[in-house]
All heavy atoms as atom14 arrays in JSON, in Angstrom:
{
  "sequence": "ESGLATFRDADGIWARVRIEDVATPEAFARDPERVHDFYNTRRAGLAS",
  "atom14_mask": [
    [1, 1, 1, 1, 1, 1, 1, 1, 1, 0, 0, 0, 0, 0],
    [1, 1, 1, 1, 1, 1, 0, 0, 0, 0, 0, 0, 0, 0],
    [1, 1, 1, 1, 0, 0, 0, 0, 0, 0, 0, 0, 0, 0],
    [1, 1, 1, 1, 1, 1, 1, 1, 0, 0, 0, 0, 0, 0],
    [1, 1, 1, 1, 1, 0, 0, 0, 0, 0, 0, 0, 0, 0],
    [1, 1, 1, 1, 1, 1, 1, 0, 0, 0, 0, 0, 0, 0],
    [1, 1, 1, 1, 1, 1, 1, 1, 1, 1, 1, 0, 0, 0],
    [1, 1, 1, 1, 1, 1, 1, 1, 1, 1, 1, 0, 0, 0],
    [1, 1, 1, 1, 1, 1, 1, 1, 0, 0, 0, 0, 0, 0],
    [1, 1, 1, 1, 1, 0, 0, 0, 0, 0, 0, 0, 0, 0],
    [1, 1, 1, 1, 1, 1, 1, 1, 0, 0, 0, 0, 0, 0],
    [1, 1, 1, 1, 0, 0, 0, 0, 0, 0, 0, 0, 0, 0],
    [1, 1, 1, 1, 1, 1, 1, 1, 0, 0, 0, 0, 0, 0],
    [1, 1, 1, 1, 1, 1, 1, 1, 1, 1, 1, 1, 1, 1],
    [1, 1, 1, 1, 1, 0, 0, 0, 0, 0, 0, 0, 0, 0],
    [1, 1, 1, 1, 1, 1, 1, 1, 1, 1, 1, 0, 0, 0],
    [1, 1, 1, 1, 1, 1, 1, 0, 0, 0, 0, 0, 0, 0],
    [1, 1, 1, 1, 1, 1, 1, 1, 1, 1, 1, 0, 0, 0],
    [1, 1, 1, 1, 1, 1, 1, 1, 0, 0, 0, 0, 0, 0],
    [1, 1, 1, 1, 1, 1, 1, 1, 1, 0, 0, 0, 0, 0],
    [1, 1, 1, 1, 1, 1, 1, 1, 0, 0, 0, 0, 0, 0],
    [1, 1, 1, 1, 1, 1, 1, 0, 0, 0, 0, 0, 0, 0],
    [1, 1, 1, 1, 1, 0, 0, 0, 0, 0, 0, 0, 0, 0],
    [1, 1, 1, 1, 1, 1, 1, 0, 0, 0, 0, 0, 0, 0],
    [1, 1, 1, 1, 1, 1, 1, 0, 0, 0, 0, 0, 0, 0],
    [1, 1, 1, 1, 1, 1, 1, 1, 1, 0, 0, 0, 0, 0],
    [1, 1, 1, 1, 1, 0, 0, 0, 0, 0, 0, 0, 0, 0],
    [1, 1, 1, 1, 1, 1, 1, 1, 1, 1, 1, 0, 0, 0],
    [1, 1, 1, 1, 1, 0, 0, 0, 0, 0, 0, 0, 0, 0],
    [1, 1, 1, 1, 1, 1, 1, 1, 1, 1, 1, 0, 0, 0],
    [1, 1, 1, 1, 1, 1, 1, 1, 0, 0, 0, 0, 0, 0],
    [1, 1, 1, 1, 1, 1, 1, 0, 0, 0, 0, 0, 0, 0],
    [1, 1, 1, 1, 1, 1, 1, 1, 1, 0, 0, 0, 0, 0],
    [1, 1, 1, 1, 1, 1, 1, 1, 1, 1, 1, 0, 0, 0],
    [1, 1, 1, 1, 1, 1, 1, 0, 0, 0, 0, 0, 0, 0],
    [1, 1, 1, 1, 1, 1, 1, 1, 1, 1, 0, 0, 0, 0],
    [1, 1, 1, 1, 1, 1, 1, 1, 0, 0, 0, 0, 0, 0],
    [1, 1, 1, 1, 1, 1, 1, 1, 1, 1, 1, 0, 0, 0],
    [1, 1, 1, 1, 1, 1, 1, 1, 1, 1, 1, 1, 0, 0],
    [1, 1, 1, 1, 1, 1, 1, 1, 0, 0, 0, 0, 0, 0],
    [1, 1, 1, 1, 1, 1, 1, 0, 0, 0, 0, 0, 0, 0],
    [1, 1, 1, 1, 1, 1, 1, 1, 1, 1, 1, 0, 0, 0],
    [1, 1, 1, 1, 1, 1, 1, 1, 1, 1, 1, 0, 0, 0],
    [1, 1, 1, 1, 1, 0, 0, 0, 0, 0, 0, 0, 0, 0],
    [1, 1, 1, 1, 0, 0, 0, 0, 0, 0, 0, 0, 0, 0],
    [1, 1, 1, 1, 1, 1, 1, 1, 0, 0, 0, 0, 0, 0],
    [1, 1, 1, 1, 1, 0, 0, 0, 0, 0, 0, 0, 0, 0],
    [1, 1, 1, 1, 1, 1, 0, 0, 0, 0, 0, 0, 0, 0]
  ],
  "atom14_positions": [
    [[73.41, 84.18, -53.89], [74.08, 84.58, -52.65], [74.42, 83.38, -51.77], [75.09, 83.55, -50.75], [73.22, 85.6, -51.9], [73.14, 86.94, -52.61], [72.17, 87.88, -51.93], [72.52, 88.43, -50.87], [71.05, 88.06, -52.46], [0.0, 0.0, 0.0], [0.0, 0.0, 0.0], [0.0, 0.0, 0.0], [0.0, 0.0, 0.0], [0.0, 0.0, 0.0]],
    [[73.97, 82.2, -52.16], [74.37, 80.98, -51.46], [75.64, 80.39, -52.07], [76.14, 79.37, -51.62], [73.25, 79.94, -51.52], [72.14, 80.34, -50.74], [0.0, 0.0, 0.0], [0.0, 0.0, 0.0], [0.0, 0.0, 0.0], [0.0, 0.0, 0.0], [0.0, 0.0, 0.0], [0.0, 0.0, 0.0], [0.0, 0.0, 0.0], [0.0, 0.0, 0.0]],
    [[76.12, 81.03, -53.15], [77.35, 80.57, -53.77], [77.17, 79.78, -55.03], [78.15, 79.24, -55.58], [0.0, 0.0, 0.0], [0.0, 0.0, 0.0], [0.0, 0.0, 0.0], [0.0, 0.0, 0.0], [0.0, 0.0, 0.0], [0.0, 0.0, 0.0], [0.0, 0.0, 0.0], [0.0, 0.0, 0.0], [0.0, 0.0, 0.0], [0.0, 0.0, 0.0]],
    [[75.95, 79.69, -55.55], [75.69, 78.96, -56.78], [75.64, 79.93, -57.96], [74.99, 80.96, -57.89], [74.37, 78.18, -56.7], [74.34, 77.06, -55.64], [72.98, 76.38, -55.65], [75.43, 76.03, -55.91], [0.0, 0.0, 0.0], [0.0, 0.0, 0.0], [0.0, 0.0, 0.0], [0.0, 0.0, 0.0], [0.0, 0.0, 0.0], [0.0, 0.0, 0.0]],
    [[76.3, 79.57, -59.04], [76.36, 80.44, -60.21], [75.01, 80.52, -60.9], [74.25, 79.54, -60.94], [77.41, 79.93, -61.19], [0.0, 0.0, 0.0], [0.0, 0.0, 0.0], [0.0, 0.0, 0.0], [0.0, 0.0, 0.0], [0.0, 0.0, 0.0], [0.0, 0.0, 0.0], [0.0, 0.0, 0.0], [0.0, 0.0, 0.0], [0.0, 0.0, 0.0]],
    [[74.7, 81.7, -61.43], [73.52, 81.84, -62.28], [73.88, 81.35, -63.68], [75.01, 80.96, -63.96], [73.05, 83.29, -62.32], [74.11, 84.1, -62.84], [72.68, 83.79, -60.93], [0.0, 0.0, 0.0], [0.0, 0.0, 0.0], [0.0, 0.0, 0.0], [0.0, 0.0, 0.0], [0.0, 0.0, 0.0], [0.0, 0.0, 0.0], [0.0, 0.0, 0.0]],
    [[72.91, 81.43, -64.58], [73.14, 80.92, -65.94], [73.41, 82.02, -66.95], [74.3, 81.89, -67.78], [71.93, 80.09, -66.4], [71.79, 78.8, -65.65], [71.05, 78.73, -64.49], [72.4, 77.65, -66.11], [70.92, 77.54, -63.79], [72.27, 76.45, -65.43], [71.53, 76.4, -64.26], [0.0, 0.0, 0.0], [0.0, 0.0, 0.0], [0.0, 0.0, 0.0]],
    [[72.66, 83.12, -66.88], [72.67, 84.07, -67.97], [73.37, 85.38, -67.63], [73.39, 86.29, -68.46], [71.23, 84.33, -68.44], [70.62, 83.06, -69.0], [69.2, 83.23, -69.45], [68.68, 81.94, -69.92], [68.84, 81.47, -71.15], [69.49, 82.18, -72.05], [68.35, 80.3, -71.5], [0.0, 0.0, 0.0], [0.0, 0.0, 0.0], [0.0, 0.0, 0.0]],
    [[73.95, 85.49, -66.45], [74.79, 86.65, -66.15], [76.03, 86.61, -67.04], [76.37, 85.58, -67.63], [75.23, 86.65, -64.68], [74.1, 87.06, -63.75], [73.06, 87.55, -64.26], [74.25, 86.89, -62.53], [0.0, 0.0, 0.0], [0.0, 0.0, 0.0], [0.0, 0.0, 0.0], [0.0, 0.0, 0.0], [0.0, 0.0, 0.0], [0.0, 0.0, 0.0]],
    [[76.74, 87.76, -67.1], [77.95, 87.83, -67.93], [78.97, 86.78, -67.51], [79.74, 86.28, -68.34], [78.54, 89.22, -67.85], [0.0, 0.0, 0.0], [0.0, 0.0, 0.0], [0.0, 0.0, 0.0], [0.0, 0.0, 0.0], [0.0, 0.0, 0.0], [0.0, 0.0, 0.0], [0.0, 0.0, 0.0], [0.0, 0.0, 0.0], [0.0, 0.0, 0.0]],
    [[79.0, 86.46, -66.23], [79.94, 85.45, -65.73], [79.23, 84.15, -65.37], [79.74, 83.33, -64.6], [80.69, 85.98, -64.51], [79.76, 86.34, -63.35], [78.53, 86.43, -63.58], [80.26, 86.54, -62.23], [0.0, 0.0, 0.0], [0.0, 0.0, 0.0], [0.0, 0.0, 0.0], [0.0, 0.0, 0.0], [0.0, 0.0, 0.0], [0.0, 0.0, 0.0]],
    [[78.04, 83.94, -65.91], [77.23, 82.77, -65.57], [77.69, 81.5, -66.26], [78.65, 81.48, -67.05], [0.0, 0.0, 0.0], [0.0, 0.0, 0.0], [0.0, 0.0, 0.0], [0.0, 0.0, 0.0], [0.0, 0.0, 0.0], [0.0, 0.0, 0.0], [0.0, 0.0, 0.0], [0.0, 0.0, 0.0], [0.0, 0.0, 0.0], [0.0, 0.0, 0.0]],
    [[76.98, 80.41, -65.97], [77.36, 79.1, -66.47], [77.38, 79.05, -68.0], [78.31, 78.52, -68.61], [76.41, 78.03, -65.91], [76.64, 77.87, -64.4], [76.61, 76.68, -66.62], [75.63, 76.97, -63.71], [0.0, 0.0, 0.0], [0.0, 0.0, 0.0], [0.0, 0.0, 0.0], [0.0, 0.0, 0.0], [0.0, 0.0, 0.0], [0.0, 0.0, 0.0]],
    [[76.37, 79.66, -68.64], [76.3, 79.57, -70.1], [77.29, 80.5, -70.79], [77.43, 80.44, -72.02], [74.89, 79.83, -70.6], [73.86, 78.88, -70.07], [72.6, 79.17, -69.7], [73.99, 77.46, -69.86], [71.94, 78.05, -69.27], [72.77, 76.99, -69.35], [75.04, 76.55, -70.05], [72.56, 75.65, -69.04], [74.83, 75.22, -69.72], [73.61, 74.76, -69.23]],
    [[78.01, 81.31, -70.04], [79.11, 82.08, -70.62], [80.39, 81.25, -70.69], [81.32, 81.59, -71.42], [79.37, 83.35, -69.79], [0.0, 0.0, 0.0], [0.0, 0.0, 0.0], [0.0, 0.0, 0.0], [0.0, 0.0, 0.0], [0.0, 0.0, 0.0], [0.0, 0.0, 0.0], [0.0, 0.0, 0.0], [0.0, 0.0, 0.0], [0.0, 0.0, 0.0]],
    [[80.41, 80.15, -69.94], [81.61, 79.31, -69.87], [81.45, 77.97, -70.57], [82.44, 77.35, -70.97], [81.99, 79.09, -68.41], [82.2, 80.36, -67.6], [82.79, 80.06, -66.23], [81.98, 79.17, -65.43], [81.0, 79.57, -64.61], [80.71, 80.87, -64.52], [80.33, 78.72, -63.88], [0.0, 0.0, 0.0], [0.0, 0.0, 0.0], [0.0, 0.0, 0.0]],
    [[80.2, 77.5, -70.66], [79.93, 76.18, -71.24], [78.8, 76.32, -72.25], [77.8, 76.99, -72.0], [79.52, 75.17, -70.14], [79.31, 73.79, -70.74], [80.54, 75.12, -69.03], [0.0, 0.0, 0.0], [0.0, 0.0, 0.0], [0.0, 0.0, 0.0], [0.0, 0.0, 0.0], [0.0, 0.0, 0.0], [0.0, 0.0, 0.0], [0.0, 0.0, 0.0]],
    [[78.94, 75.67, -73.39], [77.9, 75.72, -74.41], [76.72, 74.83, -74.03], [76.89, 73.66, -73.67], [78.46, 75.26, -75.76], [79.27, 76.31, -76.5], [79.98, 75.75, -77.72], [79.35, 74.59, -78.33], [78.58, 74.63, -79.44], [78.34, 75.78, -80.03], [78.1, 73.51, -79.95], [0.0, 0.0, 0.0], [0.0, 0.0, 0.0], [0.0, 0.0, 0.0]],
    [[75.52, 75.42, -74.1], [74.31, 74.65, -73.83], [74.27, 73.38, -74.66], [73.94, 72.29, -74.18], [73.06, 75.52, -74.12], [72.93, 76.64, -73.08], [71.8, 74.67, -74.16], [71.87, 77.67, -73.42], [0.0, 0.0, 0.0], [0.0, 0.0, 0.0], [0.0, 0.0, 0.0], [0.0, 0.0, 0.0], [0.0, 0.0, 0.0], [0.0, 0.0, 0.0]],
    [[74.65, 73.52, -75.94], [74.56, 72.4, -76.87], [75.48, 71.24, -76.5], [75.29, 70.11, -76.97], [74.9, 72.87, -78.29], [73.95, 73.9, -78.85], [74.3, 75.33, -78.44], [75.21, 75.51, -77.59], [73.66, 76.26, -78.97], [0.0, 0.0, 0.0], [0.0, 0.0, 0.0], [0.0, 0.0, 0.0], [0.0, 0.0, 0.0], [0.0, 0.0, 0.0]],
    [[76.46, 71.51, -75.64], [77.43, 70.48, -75.28], [77.04, 69.69, -74.03], [77.52, 68.57, -73.84], [78.81, 71.09, -75.05], [79.44, 71.62, -76.34], [79.07, 71.12, -77.42], [80.28, 72.52, -76.25], [0.0, 0.0, 0.0], [0.0, 0.0, 0.0], [0.0, 0.0, 0.0], [0.0, 0.0, 0.0], [0.0, 0.0, 0.0], [0.0, 0.0, 0.0]],
    [[76.2, 70.28, -73.17], [75.95, 69.63, -71.87], [74.5, 69.61, -71.43], [74.18, 68.96, -70.43], [76.79, 70.32, -70.76], [78.28, 70.17, -71.02], [76.41, 71.79, -70.61], [0.0, 0.0, 0.0], [0.0, 0.0, 0.0], [0.0, 0.0, 0.0], [0.0, 0.0, 0.0], [0.0, 0.0, 0.0], [0.0, 0.0, 0.0], [0.0, 0.0, 0.0]],
    [[73.61, 70.3, -72.12], [72.26, 70.45, -71.58], [71.17, 70.21, -72.62], [70.14, 70.89, -72.63], [72.1, 71.85, -70.96], [0.0, 0.0, 0.0], [0.0, 0.0, 0.0], [0.0, 0.0, 0.0], [0.0, 0.0, 0.0], [0.0, 0.0, 0.0], [0.0, 0.0, 0.0], [0.0, 0.0, 0.0], [0.0, 0.0, 0.0], [0.0, 0.0, 0.0]],
    [[71.38, 69.23, -73.48], [70.35, 68.81, -74.44], [70.36, 67.29, -74.51], [71.38, 66.65, -74.24], [70.6, 69.38, -75.85], [71.79, 68.77, -76.39], [70.76, 70.89, -75.83], [0.0, 0.0, 0.0], [0.0, 0.0, 0.0], [0.0, 0.0, 0.0], [0.0, 0.0, 0.0], [0.0, 0.0, 0.0], [0.0, 0.0, 0.0], [0.0, 0.0, 0.0]],
    [[69.25, 66.69, -74.91], [69.24, 65.23, -75.11], [70.27, 64.8, -76.16], [70.88, 63.73, -76.04], [67.81, 64.95, -75.58], [67.0, 66.09, -75.07], [67.91, 67.28, -75.11], [0.0, 0.0, 0.0], [0.0, 0.0, 0.0], [0.0, 0.0, 0.0], [0.0, 0.0, 0.0], [0.0, 0.0, 0.0], [0.0, 0.0, 0.0], [0.0, 0.0, 0.0]],
    [[70.47, 65.65, -77.17], [71.43, 65.32, -78.22], [72.86, 65.29, -77.68], [73.67, 64.45, -78.08], [71.32, 66.34, -79.35], [70.01, 66.29, -80.11], [68.85, 66.97, -79.39], [69.1, 67.7, -78.41], [67.7, 66.78, -79.81], [0.0, 0.0, 0.0], [0.0, 0.0, 0.0], [0.0, 0.0, 0.0], [0.0, 0.0, 0.0], [0.0, 0.0, 0.0]],
    [[73.15, 66.21, -76.75], [74.49, 66.22, -76.14], [74.73, 64.94, -75.35], [75.83, 64.36, -75.42], [74.64, 67.43, -75.22], [0.0, 0.0, 0.0], [0.0, 0.0, 0.0], [0.0, 0.0, 0.0], [0.0, 0.0, 0.0], [0.0, 0.0, 0.0], [0.0, 0.0, 0.0], [0.0, 0.0, 0.0], [0.0, 0.0, 0.0], [0.0, 0.0, 0.0]],
    [[73.71, 64.47, -74.65], [73.86, 63.25, -73.86], [74.03, 62.03, -74.77], [74.82, 61.13, -74.49], [72.66, 63.06, -72.95], [72.81, 61.94, -71.96], [73.77, 62.01, -70.96], [72.0, 60.82, -72.02], [73.92, 60.96, -70.05], [72.13, 59.78, -71.11], [73.11, 59.86, -70.12], [0.0, 0.0, 0.0], [0.0, 0.0, 0.0], [0.0, 0.0, 0.0]],
    [[73.31, 62.01, -75.88], [73.45, 60.9, -76.82], [74.82, 60.92, -77.48], [75.41, 59.86, -77.75], [72.35, 60.99, -77.88], [0.0, 0.0, 0.0], [0.0, 0.0, 0.0], [0.0, 0.0, 0.0], [0.0, 0.0, 0.0], [0.0, 0.0, 0.0], [0.0, 0.0, 0.0], [0.0, 0.0, 0.0], [0.0, 0.0, 0.0], [0.0, 0.0, 0.0]],
    [[75.34, 62.11, -77.73], [76.62, 62.25, -78.44], [77.82, 62.01, -77.54], [78.78, 61.35, -77.91], [76.69, 63.65, -79.05], [77.93, 63.95, -79.87], [77.82, 65.3, -80.55], [77.65, 66.4, -79.62], [76.54, 67.12, -79.49], [75.47, 66.85, -80.23], [76.47, 68.11, -78.61], [0.0, 0.0, 0.0], [0.0, 0.0, 0.0], [0.0, 0.0, 0.0]],
    [[77.77, 62.57, -76.32], [78.92, 62.5, -75.42], [78.44, 62.43, -73.97], [78.55, 63.4, -73.22], [79.82, 63.73, -75.63], [81.19, 63.57, -74.98], [81.36, 62.64, -74.17], [82.08, 64.4, -75.26], [0.0, 0.0, 0.0], [0.0, 0.0, 0.0], [0.0, 0.0, 0.0], [0.0, 0.0, 0.0], [0.0, 0.0, 0.0], [0.0, 0.0, 0.0]],
    [[77.89, 61.29, -73.56], [77.34, 61.19, -72.21], [78.37, 61.42, -71.11], [78.03, 61.94, -70.05], [76.76, 59.77, -72.16], [77.47, 59.02, -73.24], [77.74, 60.02, -74.31], [0.0, 0.0, 0.0], [0.0, 0.0, 0.0], [0.0, 0.0, 0.0], [0.0, 0.0, 0.0], [0.0, 0.0, 0.0], [0.0, 0.0, 0.0], [0.0, 0.0, 0.0]],
    [[79.62, 61.04, -71.35], [80.64, 61.23, -70.31], [80.86, 62.72, -70.03], [81.03, 63.12, -68.87], [81.94, 60.55, -70.72], [81.84, 59.03, -70.73], [83.16, 58.37, -71.1], [84.06, 59.08, -71.59], [83.27, 57.15, -70.88], [0.0, 0.0, 0.0], [0.0, 0.0, 0.0], [0.0, 0.0, 0.0], [0.0, 0.0, 0.0], [0.0, 0.0, 0.0]],
    [[80.86, 63.54, -71.07], [81.03, 64.97, -70.86], [79.84, 65.55, -70.08], [80.03, 66.37, -69.19], [81.17, 65.69, -72.21], [81.35, 67.2, -72.05], [81.68, 67.87, -73.37], [81.96, 69.29, -73.17], [82.31, 70.11, -74.14], [82.46, 69.65, -75.38], [82.54, 71.38, -73.89], [0.0, 0.0, 0.0], [0.0, 0.0, 0.0], [0.0, 0.0, 0.0]],
    [[78.64, 65.1, -70.43], [77.46, 65.58, -69.71], [77.52, 65.14, -68.26], [77.25, 65.93, -67.34], [76.18, 65.06, -70.4], [74.95, 65.42, -69.58], [76.06, 65.63, -71.81], [0.0, 0.0, 0.0], [0.0, 0.0, 0.0], [0.0, 0.0, 0.0], [0.0, 0.0, 0.0], [0.0, 0.0, 0.0], [0.0, 0.0, 0.0], [0.0, 0.0, 0.0]],
    [[77.89, 63.89, -68.01], [78.02, 63.43, -66.63], [79.07, 64.24, -65.88], [78.85, 64.6, -64.71], [78.4, 61.94, -66.61], [77.23, 61.02, -66.8], [76.02, 61.2, -66.19], [77.11, 59.87, -67.54], [75.19, 60.23, -66.53], [75.84, 59.41, -67.36], [0.0, 0.0, 0.0], [0.0, 0.0, 0.0], [0.0, 0.0, 0.0], [0.0, 0.0, 0.0]],
    [[80.19, 64.54, -66.49], [81.23, 65.33, -65.82], [80.7, 66.7, -65.41], [80.98, 67.18, -64.31], [82.44, 65.5, -66.74], [83.27, 64.24, -66.87], [83.09, 63.32, -66.05], [84.1, 64.16, -67.81], [0.0, 0.0, 0.0], [0.0, 0.0, 0.0], [0.0, 0.0, 0.0], [0.0, 0.0, 0.0], [0.0, 0.0, 0.0], [0.0, 0.0, 0.0]],
    [[79.93, 67.33, -66.3], [79.37, 68.65, -66.02], [78.45, 68.6, -64.81], [78.56, 69.42, -63.88], [78.61, 69.16, -67.25], [77.87, 70.45, -67.03], [78.56, 71.66, -66.94], [76.49, 70.47, -66.94], [77.87, 72.85, -66.76], [75.79, 71.65, -66.76], [76.49, 72.85, -66.66], [0.0, 0.0, 0.0], [0.0, 0.0, 0.0], [0.0, 0.0, 0.0]],
    [[77.54, 67.64, -64.78], [76.59, 67.56, -63.67], [77.22, 66.98, -62.41], [76.8, 67.32, -61.3], [75.34, 66.78, -64.1], [74.46, 67.6, -65.01], [74.53, 67.44, -66.39], [73.61, 68.56, -64.5], [73.75, 68.23, -67.23], [72.83, 69.35, -65.32], [72.91, 69.18, -66.69], [72.15, 69.97, -67.52], [0.0, 0.0, 0.0], [0.0, 0.0, 0.0]],
    [[78.23, 66.14, -62.55], [78.95, 65.67, -61.36], [79.61, 66.83, -60.64], [79.61, 66.9, -59.4], [80.01, 64.63, -61.76], [79.4, 63.29, -62.14], [78.25, 62.99, -61.81], [80.17, 62.48, -62.85], [0.0, 0.0, 0.0], [0.0, 0.0, 0.0], [0.0, 0.0, 0.0], [0.0, 0.0, 0.0], [0.0, 0.0, 0.0], [0.0, 0.0, 0.0]],
    [[80.19, 67.75, -61.41], [80.83, 68.93, -60.8], [79.8, 69.79, -60.09], [80.03, 70.25, -58.96], [81.55, 69.75, -61.88], [82.57, 68.94, -62.48], [82.19, 70.99, -61.28], [0.0, 0.0, 0.0], [0.0, 0.0, 0.0], [0.0, 0.0, 0.0], [0.0, 0.0, 0.0], [0.0, 0.0, 0.0], [0.0, 0.0, 0.0], [0.0, 0.0, 0.0]],
    [[78.65, 70.0, -60.72], [77.6, 70.81, -60.1], [77.03, 70.11, -58.87], [76.74, 70.75, -57.86], [76.49, 71.09, -61.11], [76.96, 71.92, -62.3], [75.8, 72.37, -63.13], [74.94, 73.26, -62.37], [73.69, 73.54, -62.71], [73.14, 72.99, -63.77], [72.97, 74.38, -61.97], [0.0, 0.0, 0.0], [0.0, 0.0, 0.0], [0.0, 0.0, 0.0]],
    [[76.86, 68.79, -58.94], [76.32, 68.05, -57.8], [77.28, 68.12, -56.61], [76.86, 68.32, -55.47], [76.08, 66.59, -58.21], [75.25, 65.78, -57.22], [75.07, 64.35, -57.69], [74.35, 64.26, -58.95], [74.9, 63.89, -60.1], [76.19, 63.56, -60.16], [74.18, 63.83, -61.21], [0.0, 0.0, 0.0], [0.0, 0.0, 0.0], [0.0, 0.0, 0.0]],
    [[78.57, 67.99, -56.88], [79.57, 68.06, -55.81], [79.59, 69.45, -55.18], [79.73, 69.6, -53.96], [80.95, 67.71, -56.36], [0.0, 0.0, 0.0], [0.0, 0.0, 0.0], [0.0, 0.0, 0.0], [0.0, 0.0, 0.0], [0.0, 0.0, 0.0], [0.0, 0.0, 0.0], [0.0, 0.0, 0.0], [0.0, 0.0, 0.0], [0.0, 0.0, 0.0]],
    [[79.44, 70.48, -56.01], [79.41, 71.84, -55.48], [78.21, 72.08, -54.59], [78.32, 72.73, -53.54], [0.0, 0.0, 0.0], [0.0, 0.0, 0.0], [0.0, 0.0, 0.0], [0.0, 0.0, 0.0], [0.0, 0.0, 0.0], [0.0, 0.0, 0.0], [0.0, 0.0, 0.0], [0.0, 0.0, 0.0], [0.0, 0.0, 0.0], [0.0, 0.0, 0.0]],
    [[77.05, 71.55, -54.99], [75.84, 71.71, -54.19], [75.96, 70.98, -52.86], [75.46, 71.46, -51.83], [74.63, 71.19, -54.97], [73.27, 71.26, -54.28], [72.92, 72.69, -53.92], [72.2, 70.66, -55.18], [0.0, 0.0, 0.0], [0.0, 0.0, 0.0], [0.0, 0.0, 0.0], [0.0, 0.0, 0.0], [0.0, 0.0, 0.0], [0.0, 0.0, 0.0]],
    [[76.63, 69.84, -52.87], [76.76, 69.03, -51.65], [77.87, 69.52, -50.73], [77.98, 69.04, -49.6], [77.02, 67.57, -52.02], [0.0, 0.0, 0.0], [0.0, 0.0, 0.0], [0.0, 0.0, 0.0], [0.0, 0.0, 0.0], [0.0, 0.0, 0.0], [0.0, 0.0, 0.0], [0.0, 0.0, 0.0], [0.0, 0.0, 0.0], [0.0, 0.0, 0.0]],
    [[78.67, 70.47, -51.2], [79.77, 70.97, -50.36], [79.21, 71.74, -49.17], [78.13, 72.31, -49.23], [80.7, 71.86, -51.17], [80.08, 73.09, -51.47], [0.0, 0.0, 0.0], [0.0, 0.0, 0.0], [0.0, 0.0, 0.0], [0.0, 0.0, 0.0], [0.0, 0.0, 0.0], [0.0, 0.0, 0.0], [0.0, 0.0, 0.0], [0.0, 0.0, 0.0]]
  ]
}
């Protein structure tokens, strides 16, 4: 209700982005720029 998306709702974060692509150590080792982009977007949203 503060405007932050949940994870496991039908319209949540994991319905739009694959966990394996942005939220594992392996994802960061494979494509750190993509992981940074994902968390940069979330960080900017929280700071808005």
